[in-house]
């Protein structure tokens, strides 16, 4: 299935690394609620990188129910409990992201929050996807 999305890149802007400035698409919208990095039994792996990898897998599992894949994700919003932990993990986060998402980089936002509902969670990620009609 091909992606119904087009990356938006204003002329003269430096190319973003690991995300897109904006995405445009037409089709069926799928909204995936905030996914934390636990497995199907509710167990958390240790650390931000492992939890991010699992949270992204969880997003793709929900998206698969609608017939979609990573290429259909137009936006990700990341909530982390420790921005310094995120920054310190960037070298490992890139390969973990690509392992799950491939080289698809949607529009993204990342914010630090005081806490998440699940006490063990280091990250929560929500997604908006557009699947072809």
Protein backbone atom coordinates (compact mmCIF):
# COMPACT_ATOMS: atom_id res chain seq x y z
CA UNK A 1 0.00 0.00 0.00
CA UNK A 2 1.47 3.36 -0.97
CA UNK A 3 1.46 6.32 1.33
CA UNK A 4 -1.16 9.01 0.74
CA UNK A 5 1.15 11.52 2.44
CA UNK A 6 3.41 14.25 1.05
CA UNK A 7 6.09 15.92 3.17
CA UNK A 8 5.90 19.73 3.23
CA UNK A 9 9.26 21.50 3.05
CA UNK A 10 9.32 25.30 2.61
CA UNK A 11 11.83 26.51 0.02
CA UNK A 12 15.08 27.67 1.53
CA UNK A 13 14.61 25.91 4.86
CA UNK A 14 17.25 23.48 6.06
CA UNK A 15 16.10 19.88 5.77
CA UNK A 16 14.89 18.55 9.13
CA UNK A 17 16.68 15.52 10.56
CA UNK A 18 14.48 12.68 11.76
CA UNK A 19 11.12 14.40 11.23
CA UNK A 20 9.15 16.43 8.68
CA UNK A 21 8.04 20.03 9.10
CA UNK A 22 4.58 19.11 7.90
CA UNK A 23 2.64 16.40 6.10
CA UNK A 24 -0.30 16.62 3.71
CA UNK A 25 -2.64 13.81 2.81
CA UNK A 26 -6.09 12.72 1.83
CA UNK A 27 -7.91 9.57 2.92
CA UNK A 28 -9.21 7.81 6.02
CA UNK A 29 -7.90 9.33 9.25
CA UNK A 30 -6.80 7.00 12.03
CA UNK A 31 -6.17 8.47 15.48
CA UNK A 32 -4.01 6.34 17.76
CA UNK A 33 -4.19 7.24 21.43
CA UNK A 34 -1.08 7.68 23.53
CA UNK A 35 0.86 4.43 23.57
CA UNK A 36 3.34 3.69 26.34
CA UNK A 37 6.19 1.23 26.03
CA UNK A 38 4.65 -1.83 27.65
CA UNK A 39 4.11 -5.18 26.00
CA UNK A 40 0.78 -6.99 25.54
CA UNK A 41 0.98 -8.25 29.14
CA UNK A 42 1.59 -4.75 30.55
CA UNK A 43 5.30 -5.27 31.27
CA UNK A 44 7.72 -2.38 30.75
CA UNK A 45 11.26 -2.89 29.48
CA UNK A 46 13.96 -0.87 31.22
CA UNK A 47 14.96 2.49 29.79
CA UNK A 48 13.71 5.13 27.41
CA UNK A 49 15.07 3.55 24.23
CA UNK A 50 13.48 0.14 24.85
CA UNK A 51 10.19 1.76 25.87
CA UNK A 52 10.21 3.99 22.78
CA UNK A 53 10.77 0.97 20.52
CA UNK A 54 7.84 -0.83 22.18
CA UNK A 55 5.56 2.25 22.12
CA UNK A 56 6.17 2.55 18.36
CA UNK A 57 5.42 -1.17 17.92
CA UNK A 58 2.21 -0.66 19.87
CA UNK A 59 1.21 2.22 17.57
CA UNK A 60 1.82 0.02 14.52
CA UNK A 61 -0.23 -2.81 16.06
CA UNK A 62 -3.22 -0.47 16.44
CA UNK A 63 -2.68 1.01 12.98
CA UNK A 64 -2.51 -2.48 11.46
CA UNK A 65 -6.11 -3.02 12.66
CA UNK A 66 -7.09 -0.29 10.17
CA UNK A 67 -4.92 -1.76 7.41
CA UNK A 68 -2.09 0.73 7.79
CA UNK A 69 1.63 0.81 8.38
CA UNK A 70 4.32 3.30 9.33
CA UNK A 71 4.19 4.96 5.90
CA UNK A 72 0.67 6.20 6.73
CA UNK A 73 1.62 8.08 9.90
CA UNK A 74 1.45 11.83 9.34
CA UNK A 75 2.12 13.00 12.88
CA UNK A 76 3.61 11.72 16.13
CA UNK A 77 3.45 13.54 19.44
CA UNK A 78 5.96 12.33 22.03
CA UNK A 79 5.63 12.94 25.76
CA UNK A 80 8.76 12.20 27.80
CA UNK A 81 9.21 12.46 31.56
CA UNK A 82 12.87 13.53 31.31
CA UNK A 83 14.12 15.68 28.43
CA UNK A 84 17.75 15.20 29.47
CA UNK A 85 17.31 11.43 29.33
CA UNK A 86 15.86 11.88 25.82
CA UNK A 87 18.79 14.05 24.69
CA UNK A 88 21.32 11.64 26.19
CA UNK A 89 19.64 8.75 24.32
CA UNK A 90 19.55 10.30 20.83
CA UNK A 91 22.38 8.14 19.47
CA UNK A 92 20.45 4.97 20.42
CA UNK A 93 16.97 6.33 19.67
CA UNK A 94 17.67 6.82 15.95
CA UNK A 95 18.42 3.15 15.23
CA UNK A 96 15.56 2.00 17.50
CA UNK A 97 13.14 4.31 15.64
CA UNK A 98 14.32 3.12 12.20
CA UNK A 99 14.09 -0.53 13.31
CA UNK A 100 10.34 -0.08 13.80
CA UNK A 101 9.39 2.81 11.50
CA UNK A 102 11.91 2.46 8.70
CA UNK A 103 12.92 5.70 7.05
CA UNK A 104 9.50 7.34 7.39
CA UNK A 105 9.72 10.59 9.31
CA UNK A 106 6.33 12.27 9.91
CA UNK A 107 5.73 15.65 11.47
CA UNK A 108 6.61 15.36 15.15
CA UNK A 109 6.39 17.23 18.40
CA UNK A 110 8.20 16.32 21.61
CA UNK A 111 7.42 17.71 25.04
CA UNK A 112 8.47 16.95 28.58
CA UNK A 113 5.69 16.26 31.05
CA UNK A 114 5.78 16.03 34.81
CA UNK A 115 4.55 12.44 34.82
CA UNK A 116 2.54 9.88 32.89
CA UNK A 117 -0.39 7.82 34.18
CA UNK A 118 1.67 4.63 34.19
CA UNK A 119 4.38 5.22 36.80
CA UNK A 120 7.00 3.07 35.02
CA UNK A 121 6.48 4.79 31.66
CA UNK A 122 9.33 6.96 30.39
CA UNK A 123 7.55 7.93 27.14
CA UNK A 124 4.05 8.06 25.64
CA UNK A 125 3.52 8.59 21.91
CA UNK A 126 0.30 9.34 20.03
CA UNK A 127 -0.12 9.12 16.27
CA UNK A 128 -2.32 10.46 13.48
CA UNK A 129 -2.35 8.44 10.28
CA UNK A 130 -4.01 8.84 6.88
CA UNK A 131 -4.81 5.70 4.91
CA UNK A 132 -5.82 5.76 1.24
CA UNK A 133 -9.56 5.81 0.50
